[in-house]
Amino acid sequence: MRITLKLFATFRNGRFKVAEQELPDGTEVRAVVLSLGLTEEEIGIVMLNGRHGELDSKLADQDTLSLFPLVGGG
């Protein structure tokens, strides 16, 4: 299956803004996160096709996955 992966804020550093990825059917969001060298704890928001998603959400062909980091500050 093919998905569109969008990264935001610091996740773009040394990576990309938008990329097409070919993945096995039934891949979970968590596997994509780990393949990017990120940890689950770094993920602030998961959006799947413009709606809230979870790390254990299963991806489908033509999905758009957007990953946002946690926001910190004082």
PDB file of N, CA and C in Angstrom:
ATOM      1  N   MET A   1       0.845  -1.178   0.000  1.00  0.00           N
ATOM      2  CA  MET A   1       0.000   0.000   0.000  1.00  0.00           C
ATOM      3  C   MET A   1       0.886   1.235   0.000  1.00  0.00           C
ATOM      4  N   ARG A   2       0.350   2.327  -0.493  1.00  0.00           N
ATOM      5  CA  ARG A   2       1.080   3.592  -0.556  1.00  0.00           C
ATOM      6  C   ARG A   2       0.351   4.622   0.309  1.00  0.00           C
ATOM      7  N   ILE A   3       1.137   5.320   1.162  1.00  0.00           N
ATOM      8  CA  ILE A   3       0.579   6.388   1.991  1.00  0.00           C
ATOM      9  C   ILE A   3       1.356   7.680   1.747  1.00  0.00           C
ATOM     10  N   THR A   4       0.748   8.785   2.137  1.00  0.00           N
ATOM     11  CA  THR A   4       1.436  10.071   2.165  1.00  0.00           C
ATOM     12  C   THR A   4       1.744  10.379   3.620  1.00  0.00           C
ATOM     13  N   LEU A   5       2.998  10.669   3.895  1.00  0.00           N
ATOM     14  CA  LEU A   5       3.446  10.954   5.254  1.00  0.00           C
ATOM     15  C   LEU A   5       3.867  12.413   5.336  1.00  0.00           C
ATOM     16  N   LYS A   6       3.269  13.143   6.284  1.00  0.00           N
ATOM     17  CA  LYS A   6       3.592  14.552   6.494  1.00  0.00           C
ATOM     18  C   LYS A   6       4.188  14.720   7.887  1.00  0.00           C
ATOM     19  N   LEU A   7       5.331  15.395   7.942  1.00  0.00           N
ATOM     20  CA  LEU A   7       5.991  15.671   9.213  1.00  0.00           C
ATOM     21  C   LEU A   7       5.932  17.164   9.498  1.00  0.00           C
ATOM     22  N   PHE A   8       5.820  17.502  10.776  1.00  0.00           N
ATOM     23  CA  PHE A   8       5.689  18.899  11.174  1.00  0.00           C
ATOM     24  C   PHE A   8       6.730  19.275  12.218  1.00  0.00           C
ATOM     25  N   ALA A   9       7.035  20.579  12.252  1.00  0.00           N
ATOM     26  CA  ALA A   9       7.932  21.193  13.235  1.00  0.00           C
ATOM     27  C   ALA A   9       9.285  20.480  13.270  1.00  0.00           C
ATOM     28  N   THR A  10       9.759  20.122  14.448  1.00  0.00           N
ATOM     29  CA  THR A  10      11.097  19.539  14.593  1.00  0.00           C
ATOM     30  C   THR A  10      11.235  18.179  13.933  1.00  0.00           C
ATOM     31  N   PHE A  11      10.147  17.500  13.648  1.00  0.00           N
ATOM     32  CA  PHE A  11      10.242  16.202  12.972  1.00  0.00           C
ATOM     33  C   PHE A  11      10.811  16.343  11.563  1.00  0.00           C
ATOM     34  N   ARG A  12      10.746  17.537  10.996  1.00  0.00           N
ATOM     35  CA  ARG A  12      11.274  17.767   9.645  1.00  0.00           C
ATOM     36  C   ARG A  12      12.797  17.887   9.633  1.00  0.00           C
ATOM     37  N   ASN A  13      13.390  18.213  10.758  1.00  0.00           N
ATOM     38  CA  ASN A  13      14.840  18.431  10.819  1.00  0.00           C
ATOM     39  C   ASN A  13      15.590  17.186  10.362  1.00  0.00           C
ATOM     40  N   GLY A  14      16.306  17.317   9.244  1.00  0.00           N
ATOM     41  CA  GLY A  14      17.075  16.197   8.712  1.00  0.00           C
ATOM     42  C   GLY A  14      16.236  15.135   8.033  1.00  0.00           C
ATOM     43  N   ARG A  15      14.933  15.401   7.870  1.00  0.00           N
ATOM     44  CA  ARG A  15      14.056  14.424   7.231  1.00  0.00           C
ATOM     45  C   ARG A  15      13.414  15.053   6.003  1.00  0.00           C
ATOM     46  N   PHE A  16      12.136  15.224   6.029  1.00  0.00           N
ATOM     47  CA  PHE A  16      11.380  15.742   4.889  1.00  0.00           C
ATOM     48  C   PHE A  16      10.109  16.385   5.403  1.00  0.00           C
ATOM     49  N   LYS A  17       9.432  17.097   4.529  1.00  0.00           N
ATOM     50  CA  LYS A  17       8.142  17.704   4.868  1.00  0.00           C
ATOM     51  C   LYS A  17       7.008  16.752   4.496  1.00  0.00           C
ATOM     52  N   VAL A  18       7.037  16.271   3.259  1.00  0.00           N
ATOM     53  CA  VAL A  18       6.015  15.343   2.758  1.00  0.00           C
ATOM     54  C   VAL A  18       6.713  14.268   1.940  1.00  0.00           C
ATOM     55  N   ALA A  19       6.289  13.013   2.116  1.00  0.00           N
ATOM     56  CA  ALA A  19       6.861  11.910   1.342  1.00  0.00           C
ATOM     57  C   ALA A  19       5.802  10.841   1.102  1.00  0.00           C
ATOM     58  N   GLU A  20       5.934  10.177  -0.017  1.00  0.00           N
ATOM     59  CA  GLU A  20       5.118   8.997  -0.309  1.00  0.00           C
ATOM     60  C   GLU A  20       5.891   7.799   0.223  1.00  0.00           C
ATOM     61  N   GLN A  21       5.189   6.882   0.887  1.00  0.00           N
ATOM     62  CA  GLN A  21       5.850   5.680   1.387  1.00  0.00           C
ATOM     63  C   GLN A  21       5.066   4.449   0.977  1.00  0.00           C
ATOM     64  N   GLU A  22       5.799   3.418   0.612  1.00  0.00           N
ATOM     65  CA  GLU A  22       5.226   2.118   0.282  1.00  0.00           C
ATOM     66  C   GLU A  22       5.379   1.251   1.527  1.00  0.00           C
ATOM     67  N   LEU A  23       4.268   0.720   2.041  1.00  0.00           N
ATOM     68  CA  LEU A  23       4.273  -0.064   3.277  1.00  0.00           C
ATOM     69  C   LEU A  23       3.486  -1.351   3.088  1.00  0.00           C
ATOM     70  N   PRO A  24       3.781  -2.371   3.898  1.00  0.00           N
ATOM     71  CA  PRO A  24       2.970  -3.593   3.855  1.00  0.00           C
ATOM     72  C   PRO A  24       1.545  -3.310   4.333  1.00  0.00           C
ATOM     73  N   ASP A  25       0.578  -4.024   3.799  1.00  0.00           N
ATOM     74  CA  ASP A  25      -0.814  -3.884   4.240  1.00  0.00           C
ATOM     75  C   ASP A  25      -0.902  -4.111   5.742  1.00  0.00           C
ATOM     76  N   GLY A  26      -1.729  -3.309   6.406  1.00  0.00           N
ATOM     77  CA  GLY A  26      -1.967  -3.484   7.836  1.00  0.00           C
ATOM     78  C   GLY A  26      -0.921  -2.865   8.744  1.00  0.00           C
ATOM     79  N   THR A  27       0.006  -2.107   8.184  1.00  0.00           N
ATOM     80  CA  THR A  27       1.026  -1.451   9.002  1.00  0.00           C
ATOM     81  C   THR A  27       0.358  -0.480   9.972  1.00  0.00           C
ATOM     82  N   GLU A  28       0.839  -0.466  11.213  1.00  0.00           N
ATOM     83  CA  GLU A  28       0.325   0.470  12.209  1.00  0.00           C
ATOM     84  C   GLU A  28       1.149   1.757  12.200  1.00  0.00           C
ATOM     85  N   VAL A  29       0.540   2.831  12.658  1.00  0.00           N
ATOM     86  CA  VAL A  29       1.220   4.121  12.768  1.00  0.00           C
ATOM     87  C   VAL A  29       2.506   3.969  13.577  1.00  0.00           C
ATOM     88  N   ARG A  30       2.465   3.199  14.640  1.00  0.00           N
ATOM     89  CA  ARG A  30       3.624   2.997  15.515  1.00  0.00           C
ATOM     90  C   ARG A  30       4.851   2.548  14.712  1.00  0.00           C
ATOM     91  N   ALA A  31       4.664   1.645  13.765  1.00  0.00           N
ATOM     92  CA  ALA A  31       5.782   1.138  12.964  1.00  0.00           C
ATOM     93  C   ALA A  31       6.402   2.247  12.120  1.00  0.00           C
ATOM     94  N   VAL A  32       5.587   3.139  11.605  1.00  0.00           N
ATOM     95  CA  VAL A  32       6.095   4.269  10.818  1.00  0.00           C
ATOM     96  C   VAL A  32       6.901   5.197  11.721  1.00  0.00           C
ATOM     97  N   VAL A  33       6.377   5.483  12.899  1.00  0.00           N
ATOM     98  CA  VAL A  33       7.072   6.341  13.867  1.00  0.00           C
ATOM     99  C   VAL A  33       8.455   5.771  14.176  1.00  0.00           C
ATOM    100  N   LEU A  34       8.509   4.496  14.494  1.00  0.00           N
ATOM    101  CA  LEU A  34       9.778   3.862  14.851  1.00  0.00           C
ATOM    102  C   LEU A  34      10.734   3.827  13.665  1.00  0.00           C
ATOM    103  N   SER A  35      10.216   3.646  12.451  1.00  0.00           N
ATOM    104  CA  SER A  35      11.075   3.610  11.259  1.00  0.00           C
ATOM    105  C   SER A  35      11.741   4.961  10.995  1.00  0.00           C
ATOM    106  N   LEU A  36      11.157   6.025  11.517  1.00  0.00           N
ATOM    107  CA  LEU A  36      11.723   7.368  11.371  1.00  0.00           C
ATOM    108  C   LEU A  36      12.774   7.672  12.439  1.00  0.00           C
ATOM    109  N   GLY A  37      12.998   6.733  13.350  1.00  0.00           N
ATOM    110  CA  GLY A  37      13.943   6.956  14.435  1.00  0.00           C
ATOM    111  C   GLY A  37      13.363   7.773  15.570  1.00  0.00           C
ATOM    112  N   LEU A  38      12.045   7.882  15.599  1.00  0.00           N
ATOM    113  CA  LEU A  38      11.351   8.604  16.665  1.00  0.00           C
ATOM    114  C   LEU A  38      10.882   7.619  17.723  1.00  0.00           C
ATOM    115  N   THR A  39      10.618   8.127  18.920  1.00  0.00           N
ATOM    116  CA  THR A  39      10.040   7.293  19.966  1.00  0.00           C
ATOM    117  C   THR A  39       8.565   7.656  20.123  1.00  0.00           C
ATOM    118  N   GLU A  40       7.818   6.756  20.684  1.00  0.00           N
ATOM    119  CA  GLU A  40       6.390   7.003  20.905  1.00  0.00           C
ATOM    120  C   GLU A  40       6.178   8.227  21.788  1.00  0.00           C
ATOM    121  N   GLU A  41       7.095   8.447  22.736  1.00  0.00           N
ATOM    122  CA  GLU A  41       6.966   9.555  23.674  1.00  0.00           C
ATOM    123  C   GLU A  41       7.128  10.916  22.999  1.00  0.00           C
ATOM    124  N   GLU A  42       7.763  10.956  21.838  1.00  0.00           N
ATOM    125  CA  GLU A  42       7.974  12.217  21.122  1.00  0.00           C
ATOM    126  C   GLU A  42       6.735  12.672  20.356  1.00  0.00           C
ATOM    127  N   ILE A  43       5.785  11.771  20.158  1.00  0.00           N
ATOM    128  CA  ILE A  43       4.620  12.075  19.333  1.00  0.00           C
ATOM    129  C   ILE A  43       3.587  12.835  20.153  1.00  0.00           C
ATOM    130  N   GLY A  44       3.208  14.010  19.655  1.00  0.00           N
ATOM    131  CA  GLY A  44       2.175  14.805  20.318  1.00  0.00           C
ATOM    132  C   GLY A  44       0.805  14.542  19.728  1.00  0.00           C
ATOM    133  N   ILE A  45       0.716  14.600  18.399  1.00  0.00           N
ATOM    134  CA  ILE A  45      -0.565  14.415  17.713  1.00  0.00           C
ATOM    135  C   ILE A  45      -0.358  13.529  16.497  1.00  0.00           C
ATOM    136  N   VAL A  46      -1.263  12.582  16.327  1.00  0.00           N
ATOM    137  CA  VAL A  46      -1.334  11.749  15.124  1.00  0.00           C
ATOM    138  C   VAL A  46      -2.624  12.111  14.409  1.00  0.00           C
ATOM    139  N   MET A  47      -2.501  12.499  13.150  1.00  0.00           N
ATOM    140  CA  MET A  47      -3.681  12.768  12.322  1.00  0.00           C
ATOM    141  C   MET A  47      -3.687  11.756  11.183  1.00  0.00           C
ATOM    142  N   LEU A  48      -4.819  11.118  10.984  1.00  0.00           N
ATOM    143  CA  LEU A  48      -4.977  10.137   9.920  1.00  0.00           C
ATOM    144  C   LEU A  48      -6.134  10.589   9.048  1.00  0.00           C
ATOM    145  N   ASN A  49      -5.816  10.999   7.837  1.00  0.00           N
ATOM    146  CA  ASN A  49      -6.815  11.529   6.900  1.00  0.00           C
ATOM    147  C   ASN A  49      -7.584  12.712   7.493  1.00  0.00           C
ATOM    148  N   GLY A  50      -6.845  13.576   8.210  1.00  0.00           N
ATOM    149  CA  GLY A  50      -7.444  14.781   8.763  1.00  0.00           C
ATOM    150  C   GLY A  50      -8.217  14.587  10.047  1.00  0.00           C
ATOM    151  N   ARG A  51      -8.178  13.387  10.600  1.00  0.00           N
ATOM    152  CA  ARG A  51      -8.869  13.100  11.865  1.00  0.00           C
ATOM    153  C   ARG A  51      -7.867  12.567  12.877  1.00  0.00           C
ATOM    154  N   HIS A  52      -8.234  12.666  14.150  1.00  0.00           N
ATOM    155  CA  HIS A  52      -7.360  12.169  15.209  1.00  0.00           C
ATOM    156  C   HIS A  52      -7.097  10.679  15.016  1.00  0.00           C
ATOM    157  N   GLY A  53      -5.836  10.294  15.124  1.00  0.00           N
ATOM    158  CA  GLY A  53      -5.458   8.885  15.034  1.00  0.00           C
ATOM    159  C   GLY A  53      -4.691   8.471  16.272  1.00  0.00           C
ATOM    160  N   GLU A  54      -4.376   7.211  16.345  1.00  0.00           N
ATOM    161  CA  GLU A  54      -3.635   6.643  17.473  1.00  0.00           C
ATOM    162  C   GLU A  54      -2.413   5.905  16.948  1.00  0.00           C
ATOM    163  N   LEU A  55      -1.458   5.630  17.818  1.00  0.00           N
ATOM    164  CA  LEU A  55      -0.275   4.884  17.405  1.00  0.00           C
ATOM    165  C   LEU A  55      -0.617   3.479  16.933  1.00  0.00           C
ATOM    166  N   ASP A  56      -1.698   2.914  17.452  1.00  0.00           N
ATOM    167  CA  ASP A  56      -2.075   1.561  17.030  1.00  0.00           C
ATOM    168  C   ASP A  56      -3.087   1.558  15.882  1.00  0.00           C
ATOM    169  N   SER A  57      -3.358   2.736  15.298  1.00  0.00           N
ATOM    170  CA  SER A  57      -4.248   2.799  14.130  1.00  0.00           C
ATOM    171  C   SER A  57      -3.588   2.078  12.962  1.00  0.00           C
ATOM    172  N   LYS A  58      -4.366   1.275  12.254  1.00  0.00           N
ATOM    173  CA  LYS A  58      -3.861   0.581  11.069  1.00  0.00           C
ATOM    174  C   LYS A  58      -4.019   1.489   9.854  1.00  0.00           C
ATOM    175  N   LEU A  59      -2.991   1.510   9.035  1.00  0.00           N
ATOM    176  CA  LEU A  59      -2.995   2.331   7.833  1.00  0.00           C
ATOM    177  C   LEU A  59      -3.582   1.556   6.660  1.00  0.00           C
ATOM    178  N   ALA A  60      -4.161   2.296   5.720  1.00  0.00           N
ATOM    179  CA  ALA A  60      -4.737   1.702   4.513  1.00  0.00           C
ATOM    180  C   ALA A  60      -4.188   2.440   3.295  1.00  0.00           C
ATOM    181  N   ASP A  61      -4.314   1.822   2.140  1.00  0.00           N
ATOM    182  CA  ASP A  61      -3.839   2.417   0.900  1.00  0.00           C
ATOM    183  C   ASP A  61      -4.440   3.810   0.708  1.00  0.00           C
ATOM    184  N   GLN A  62      -3.603   4.746   0.304  1.00  0.00           N
ATOM    185  CA  GLN A  62      -3.978   6.137   0.022  1.00  0.00           C
ATOM    186  C   GLN A  62      -4.232   6.983   1.272  1.00  0.00           C
ATOM    187  N   ASP A  63      -3.927   6.467   2.464  1.00  0.00           N
ATOM    188  CA  ASP A  63      -4.057   7.262   3.687  1.00  0.00           C
ATOM    189  C   ASP A  63      -3.044   8.400   3.692  1.00  0.00           C
ATOM    190  N   THR A  64      -3.389   9.464   4.412  1.00  0.00           N
ATOM    191  CA  THR A  64      -2.453  10.548   4.694  1.00  0.00           C
ATOM    192  C   THR A  64      -2.225  10.568   6.198  1.00  0.00           C
ATOM    193  N   LEU A  65      -0.980  10.341   6.589  1.00  0.00           N
ATOM    194  CA  LEU A  65      -0.586  10.318   7.992  1.00  0.00           C
ATOM    195  C   LEU A  65       0.223  11.574   8.293  1.00  0.00           C
ATOM    196  N   SER A  66      -0.211  12.330   9.302  1.00  0.00           N
ATOM    197  CA  SER A  66       0.492  13.543   9.724  1.00  0.00           C
ATOM    198  C   SER A  66       0.958  13.359  11.159  1.00  0.00           C
ATOM    199  N   LEU A  67       2.235  13.658  11.400  1.00  0.00           N
ATOM    200  CA  LEU A  67       2.817  13.494  12.729  1.00  0.00           C
ATOM    201  C   LEU A  67       3.321  14.834  13.254  1.00  0.00           C
ATOM    202  N   PHE A  68       2.895  15.168  14.469  1.00  0.00           N
ATOM    203  CA  PHE A  68       3.272  16.416  15.128  1.00  0.00           C
ATOM    204  C   PHE A  68       3.988  16.084  16.435  1.00  0.00           C
ATOM    205  N   PRO A  69       5.080  16.794  16.752  1.00  0.00           N
ATOM    206  CA  PRO A  69       5.772  16.546  18.016  1.00  0.00           C
ATOM    207  C   PRO A  69       5.023  17.162  19.193  1.00  0.00           C
ATOM    208  N   LEU A  70       5.412  16.713  20.387  1.00  0.00           N
ATOM    209  CA  LEU A  70       4.920  17.357  21.599  1.00  0.00           C
ATOM    210  C   LEU A  70       5.389  18.803  21.593  1.00  0.00           C
ATOM    211  N   VAL A  71       4.590  19.664  22.143  1.00  0.00           N
ATOM    212  CA  VAL A  71       4.946  21.076  22.232  1.00  0.00           C
ATOM    213  C   VAL A  71       5.302  21.372  23.677  1.00  0.00           C
ATOM    214  N   GLY A  72       6.461  21.951  23.875  1.00  0.00           N
ATOM    215  CA  GLY A  72       6.882  22.288  25.224  1.00  0.00           C
ATOM    216  C   GLY A  72       7.149  23.775  25.325  1.00  0.00           C
ATOM    217  N   GLY A  73       7.271  24.218  26.507  1.00  0.00           N
ATOM    218  CA  GLY A  73       7.575  25.631  26.695  1.00  0.00           C
ATOM    219  C   GLY A  73       7.281  26.049  28.116  1.00  0.00           C
ATOM    220  N   GLY A  74       7.471  27.280  28.357  1.00  0.00           N
ATOM    221  CA  GLY A  74       7.283  27.748  29.712  1.00  0.00           C
ATOM    222  C   GLY A  74       6.446  28.983  29.774  1.00  0.00           C
TER     223      GLY A  74
END
